[in-house]
N, C-alpha and C. Protein backbone atom coordinates (compact mmCIF):
# COMPACT_ATOMS: atom_id res chain seq x y z
N MET A 1 0.83 -1.10 -0.30
CA MET A 1 -0.02 0.05 -0.04
C MET A 1 0.90 1.47 0.10
N ARG A 2 2.35 1.06 0.42
CA ARG A 2 3.06 2.15 0.80
C ARG A 2 3.40 2.36 -0.45
N GLU A 3 4.12 1.23 -1.33
CA GLU A 3 4.63 1.45 -2.30
C GLU A 3 3.78 2.69 -3.56
N VAL A 4 1.94 1.82 -3.32
CA VAL A 4 1.25 2.32 -4.70
C VAL A 4 1.18 3.45 -4.14
N LEU A 5 0.60 4.11 -3.20
CA LEU A 5 0.82 5.65 -2.58
C LEU A 5 2.23 6.14 -3.03
N GLU A 6 3.18 6.21 -3.08
CA GLU A 6 4.39 6.61 -3.77
C GLU A 6 4.32 7.01 -4.81
N GLU A 7 4.17 5.67 -5.50
CA GLU A 7 4.10 5.61 -6.98
C GLU A 7 3.15 6.23 -8.10
N THR A 8 2.37 5.91 -7.23
CA THR A 8 0.66 6.68 -8.19
C THR A 8 -0.01 7.56 -7.36
N GLY A 9 0.17 7.90 -5.89
CA GLY A 9 -0.48 9.23 -5.50
C GLY A 9 -1.61 8.58 -4.92
N LEU A 10 -2.54 7.21 -4.83
CA LEU A 10 -3.76 6.73 -4.93
C LEU A 10 -3.60 5.87 -3.04
N ARG A 11 -4.46 6.31 -2.85
CA ARG A 11 -4.76 5.15 -1.00
C ARG A 11 -5.09 3.95 -1.77
N VAL A 12 -5.29 2.59 -1.37
CA VAL A 12 -5.54 1.98 -1.45
C VAL A 12 -5.79 0.55 -0.95
N LYS A 13 -6.68 -0.37 -1.41
CA LYS A 13 -6.97 -1.63 -0.23
C LYS A 13 -6.24 -2.92 -0.89
N PRO A 14 -5.88 -3.71 -0.21
CA PRO A 14 -5.42 -4.87 -1.02
C PRO A 14 -6.74 -5.74 -0.94
N VAL A 15 -6.55 -6.81 -1.89
CA VAL A 15 -7.93 -7.82 -2.04
C VAL A 15 -7.41 -9.03 -2.07
N ALA A 16 -6.41 -9.36 -3.12
CA ALA A 16 -5.62 -10.69 -3.08
C ALA A 16 -4.16 -10.38 -4.11
N LYS A 17 -3.17 -10.90 -3.46
CA LYS A 17 -2.26 -10.91 -4.19
C LYS A 17 -2.48 -11.93 -5.09
N LEU A 18 -1.71 -12.10 -6.06
CA LEU A 18 -1.80 -12.32 -7.71
C LEU A 18 -0.77 -12.81 -7.88
N ALA A 19 0.31 -12.65 -7.92
CA ALA A 19 1.95 -13.33 -8.50
C ALA A 19 2.81 -12.67 -8.28
N ASP A 20 3.90 -13.62 -7.85
CA ASP A 20 5.36 -13.00 -8.43
C ASP A 20 5.64 -13.12 -9.73
N VAL A 21 6.39 -12.04 -9.81
CA VAL A 21 7.34 -12.30 -11.41
C VAL A 21 8.73 -11.90 -11.03
N LYS A 22 9.35 -13.10 -11.04
CA LYS A 22 10.99 -12.60 -11.07
C LYS A 22 11.69 -12.86 -12.55
N TYR A 23 12.92 -11.86 -12.30
CA TYR A 23 13.66 -11.66 -13.61
C TYR A 23 14.76 -11.08 -13.18
N VAL A 24 15.47 -10.90 -14.50
CA VAL A 24 17.09 -10.45 -14.06
C VAL A 24 17.23 -9.44 -14.55
N TYR A 25 18.44 -8.53 -14.25
CA TYR A 25 18.54 -7.25 -15.25
C TYR A 25 19.83 -6.58 -14.86
N SER A 26 20.96 -5.74 -15.56
CA SER A 26 21.97 -5.65 -15.29
C SER A 26 21.84 -4.28 -14.98
N ARG A 27 22.80 -4.07 -14.34
CA ARG A 27 22.48 -2.09 -13.76
C ARG A 27 23.39 -1.51 -14.68
N LYS A 28 22.56 -0.97 -15.72
CA LYS A 28 23.12 -0.34 -16.64
C LYS A 28 24.30 1.49 -16.05
N TRP A 29 23.26 1.67 -14.78
CA TRP A 29 23.72 3.18 -14.23
C TRP A 29 24.94 3.08 -13.62
N SER A 30 25.63 1.65 -13.34
CA SER A 30 26.59 1.83 -12.20
C SER A 30 27.62 0.79 -12.97
N ASP A 31 27.99 -0.45 -12.23
CA ASP A 31 28.69 -1.77 -12.52
C ASP A 31 28.30 -2.84 -13.38
N ASN A 32 26.68 -2.70 -14.07
CA ASN A 32 27.02 -3.52 -14.94
C ASN A 32 26.49 -4.89 -14.38
N ALA A 33 26.40 -5.06 -12.85
CA ALA A 33 26.19 -6.17 -11.82
C ALA A 33 25.01 -6.67 -12.71
N ARG A 34 24.81 -8.24 -12.83
CA ARG A 34 23.48 -8.68 -12.67
C ARG A 34 22.39 -8.62 -11.63
N VAL A 35 21.46 -8.18 -11.59
CA VAL A 35 20.50 -8.44 -10.37
C VAL A 35 19.55 -8.90 -10.65
N SER A 36 18.79 -9.90 -9.70
CA SER A 36 17.51 -10.87 -9.38
C SER A 36 17.01 -9.77 -8.40
N LYS A 37 15.76 -10.13 -9.32
CA LYS A 37 14.17 -9.07 -8.94
C LYS A 37 13.47 -9.89 -8.73
N VAL A 38 12.30 -10.10 -7.65
CA VAL A 38 11.46 -10.54 -7.59
C VAL A 38 10.29 -9.55 -7.26
N VAL A 39 9.26 -9.55 -7.76
CA VAL A 39 8.14 -8.16 -7.61
C VAL A 39 7.04 -8.99 -8.09
N SER A 40 6.34 -8.45 -6.57
CA SER A 40 4.98 -9.66 -6.12
C SER A 40 3.56 -8.18 -6.51
N PHE A 41 2.79 -8.96 -7.44
CA PHE A 41 1.48 -7.83 -8.12
C PHE A 41 0.55 -8.59 -6.97
N PHE A 42 -0.29 -7.34 -6.73
CA PHE A 42 -1.42 -7.69 -5.93
C PHE A 42 -2.62 -6.41 -6.69
N LEU A 43 -3.62 -7.68 -6.65
CA LEU A 43 -4.92 -6.70 -6.89
C LEU A 43 -5.47 -5.60 -5.99
N MET A 44 -5.60 -4.25 -5.86
CA MET A 44 -5.98 -3.78 -5.05
C MET A 44 -7.57 -2.57 -5.64
N LYS A 45 -8.05 -1.82 -4.80
CA LYS A 45 -9.11 -1.54 -4.86
C LYS A 45 -8.97 -0.04 -4.38
N TYR A 46 -9.11 0.86 -4.96
CA TYR A 46 -9.26 2.38 -5.12
C TYR A 46 -9.91 2.67 -3.47
N GLN A 47 -9.16 3.94 -2.96
CA GLN A 47 -9.79 4.41 -1.86
C GLN A 47 -9.21 5.81 -1.80
N SER A 48 -9.00 6.55 -2.27
CA SER A 48 -9.05 7.76 -2.21
C SER A 48 -7.81 8.15 -3.14
N GLY A 49 -7.82 9.71 -3.17
CA GLY A 49 -6.22 10.10 -3.85
C GLY A 49 -6.47 10.13 -5.59
N GLN A 50 -5.67 11.10 -5.63
CA GLN A 50 -5.33 11.12 -7.27
C GLN A 50 -3.98 11.03 -8.02
N ILE A 51 -4.36 10.45 -9.03
CA ILE A 51 -3.77 9.58 -9.61
C ILE A 51 -2.25 10.30 -10.18
N GLY A 52 -1.49 9.75 -10.34
CA GLY A 52 0.03 10.94 -10.58
C GLY A 52 0.43 12.32 -9.64
N ASP A 53 -0.50 12.45 -8.32
CA ASP A 53 -0.18 13.04 -7.39
C ASP A 53 1.20 12.44 -6.30
N ILE A 54 2.50 12.43 -6.80
CA ILE A 54 3.73 11.72 -6.26
C ILE A 54 4.82 13.40 -6.00
N THR A 55 4.97 12.46 -5.24
CA THR A 55 6.23 13.83 -4.73
C THR A 55 7.50 13.84 -5.94
N LYS A 56 8.17 15.13 -5.75
CA LYS A 56 8.93 15.44 -7.14
C LYS A 56 10.34 14.28 -6.49
N GLU A 57 10.46 13.94 -5.41
CA GLU A 57 11.55 12.62 -5.28
C GLU A 57 11.36 11.68 -6.07
N MET A 58 10.26 11.14 -6.23
CA MET A 58 9.85 9.80 -6.89
C MET A 58 9.80 10.22 -7.86
N ARG A 59 9.31 11.10 -9.41
CA ARG A 59 9.71 11.63 -10.24
C ARG A 59 10.68 10.80 -10.87
N HIS A 60 11.84 10.63 -10.12
CA HIS A 60 13.17 9.78 -11.08
C HIS A 60 12.72 8.33 -11.29
N GLU A 61 11.93 7.64 -10.61
CA GLU A 61 11.25 6.33 -10.15
C GLU A 61 10.36 6.22 -11.38
N VAL A 62 9.49 6.91 -11.61
CA VAL A 62 8.06 6.95 -11.89
C VAL A 62 8.13 7.98 -12.55
N ARG A 63 7.71 8.19 -13.91
CA ARG A 63 7.77 9.09 -15.46
C ARG A 63 6.33 9.46 -15.03
N ARG A 64 5.21 8.59 -14.92
CA ARG A 64 3.60 8.87 -15.27
C ARG A 64 3.37 7.82 -15.23
N ALA A 65 2.00 8.19 -14.26
CA ALA A 65 1.03 7.07 -13.68
C ALA A 65 -0.71 7.56 -14.39
N TYR A 66 -1.07 6.52 -15.14
CA TYR A 66 -2.34 6.57 -15.60
C TYR A 66 -3.06 5.28 -15.74
N TRP A 67 -4.46 5.94 -15.37
CA TRP A 67 -5.60 4.86 -15.79
C TRP A 67 -5.82 4.17 -17.13
N ILE A 68 -5.90 2.66 -16.80
CA ILE A 68 -6.48 2.30 -18.37
C ILE A 68 -7.84 1.33 -17.65
N PRO A 69 -8.38 0.91 -18.43
CA PRO A 69 -9.41 -0.03 -18.49
C PRO A 69 -8.65 -1.32 -17.96
N LEU A 70 -9.04 -2.10 -16.85
CA LEU A 70 -8.27 -3.28 -16.69
C LEU A 70 -8.39 -4.49 -18.34
N THR A 71 -9.66 -4.32 -18.90
CA THR A 71 -9.64 -5.46 -19.98
C THR A 71 -8.59 -4.90 -21.02
N GLN A 72 -8.38 -3.45 -20.69
CA GLN A 72 -7.12 -3.43 -22.07
C GLN A 72 -5.55 -4.28 -21.77
N ALA A 73 -5.63 -3.70 -20.65
CA ALA A 73 -4.31 -4.19 -19.86
C ALA A 73 -3.57 -5.35 -20.82
N PRO A 74 -4.32 -6.42 -20.71
CA PRO A 74 -3.10 -7.45 -20.86
C PRO A 74 -2.86 -7.03 -22.68
N SER A 75 -3.33 -6.36 -23.38
CA SER A 75 -2.82 -6.29 -24.56
C SER A 75 -1.59 -4.57 -24.42
N ARG A 76 -2.10 -3.88 -23.71
CA ARG A 76 -1.61 -2.58 -23.69
C ARG A 76 -0.08 -2.88 -22.78
N LEU A 77 -0.06 -3.67 -21.56
CA LEU A 77 1.42 -3.39 -20.74
C LEU A 77 2.47 -4.09 -21.64
N ARG A 78 3.97 -3.54 -21.36
CA ARG A 78 4.80 -3.73 -21.91
C ARG A 78 5.33 -4.96 -21.88
N TYR A 79 5.36 -5.70 -20.76
CA TYR A 79 6.38 -7.10 -20.21
C TYR A 79 5.17 -7.86 -20.19
N ASN A 80 5.39 -9.34 -20.46
CA ASN A 80 4.81 -10.45 -20.52
C ASN A 80 4.36 -10.93 -19.49
N GLY A 81 5.11 -10.61 -18.47
CA GLY A 81 4.73 -10.97 -17.00
C GLY A 81 3.60 -10.01 -16.82
N GLU A 82 3.52 -8.64 -16.37
CA GLU A 82 2.71 -7.62 -16.24
C GLU A 82 1.45 -7.82 -17.25
N ARG A 83 1.52 -8.88 -18.31
CA ARG A 83 0.10 -9.36 -18.97
C ARG A 83 -0.36 -10.37 -18.90
N GLN A 84 0.29 -11.31 -18.06
CA GLN A 84 -0.31 -12.54 -17.17
C GLN A 84 -0.97 -11.92 -16.48
N VAL A 85 -0.46 -11.04 -15.30
CA VAL A 85 -0.70 -10.72 -14.17
C VAL A 85 -2.33 -10.25 -14.12
N ALA A 86 -2.15 -8.92 -15.40
CA ALA A 86 -3.39 -8.30 -16.29
C ALA A 86 -4.36 -9.32 -16.15
N LYS A 87 -4.34 -10.29 -16.50
CA LYS A 87 -4.72 -11.60 -17.16
C LYS A 87 -6.15 -12.54 -15.79
N LYS A 88 -4.66 -12.30 -15.02
CA LYS A 88 -5.49 -12.78 -13.27
C LYS A 88 -5.87 -11.85 -12.66
N ALA A 89 -5.82 -11.49 -12.47
CA ALA A 89 -6.75 -9.84 -12.24
C ALA A 89 -7.87 -9.88 -12.76
N LEU A 90 -7.94 -9.80 -14.18
CA LEU A 90 -9.78 -9.96 -14.80
C LEU A 90 -10.51 -11.26 -14.33
N GLU A 91 -9.67 -12.67 -14.11
CA GLU A 91 -10.23 -13.85 -14.06
C GLU A 91 -10.56 -13.67 -12.17
N TYR A 92 -10.03 -13.12 -11.79
CA TYR A 92 -10.60 -12.74 -10.14
C TYR A 92 -11.43 -12.25 -10.14
N ILE A 93 -11.24 -10.84 -10.44
CA ILE A 93 -12.55 -10.18 -10.73
C ILE A 93 -14.07 -11.35 -11.21
N LYS A 94 -13.63 -11.59 -12.61
CA LYS A 94 -14.91 -12.57 -12.69
C LYS A 94 -15.80 -13.82 -12.21
N SER A 95 -14.47 -14.07 -11.02
CA SER A 95 -14.86 -15.43 -10.39
C SER A 95 -14.81 -14.54 -8.44
N HIS A 96 -15.35 -13.49 -8.29
CA HIS A 96 -15.55 -12.66 -7.22
C HIS A 96 -15.99 -11.80 -7.37
N ARG A 97 -17.42 -11.78 -8.35
CA ARG A 97 -17.94 -10.42 -8.66
C ARG A 97 -18.57 -9.46 -7.98
N GLU A 98 -18.98 -10.28 -6.13
CA GLU A 98 -19.54 -9.47 -4.99
C GLU A 98 -18.87 -9.06 -4.44
N GLU A 99 -17.32 -8.93 -4.56
CA GLU A 99 -16.52 -8.13 -3.98
C GLU A 99 -15.95 -6.94 -4.67
N PHE A 100 -16.92 -6.78 -6.05
CA PHE A 100 -16.84 -5.27 -6.57
C PHE A 100 -17.65 -5.19 -6.96
């Protein structure tokens, strides 16, 4: 919830953990070391706040945050892991309609 607030300006409530995505990247800005990373994805429900209302300090990490319909996310997201998580979110919502 803290990271969502910092990177989007939104206060949210966790609904369900969707997946962990693991990947390796090379640290280009310093020593080219290979870094293993695990990113955990959660389905969140909006509570309050305005998208893009983030601090100047976060602007180096987040260029822009914006809303897209979840139904469009699997075709619009850049990385395959993120597209797969968006599909899981859609499946979760379909099977738990009473929560939404």
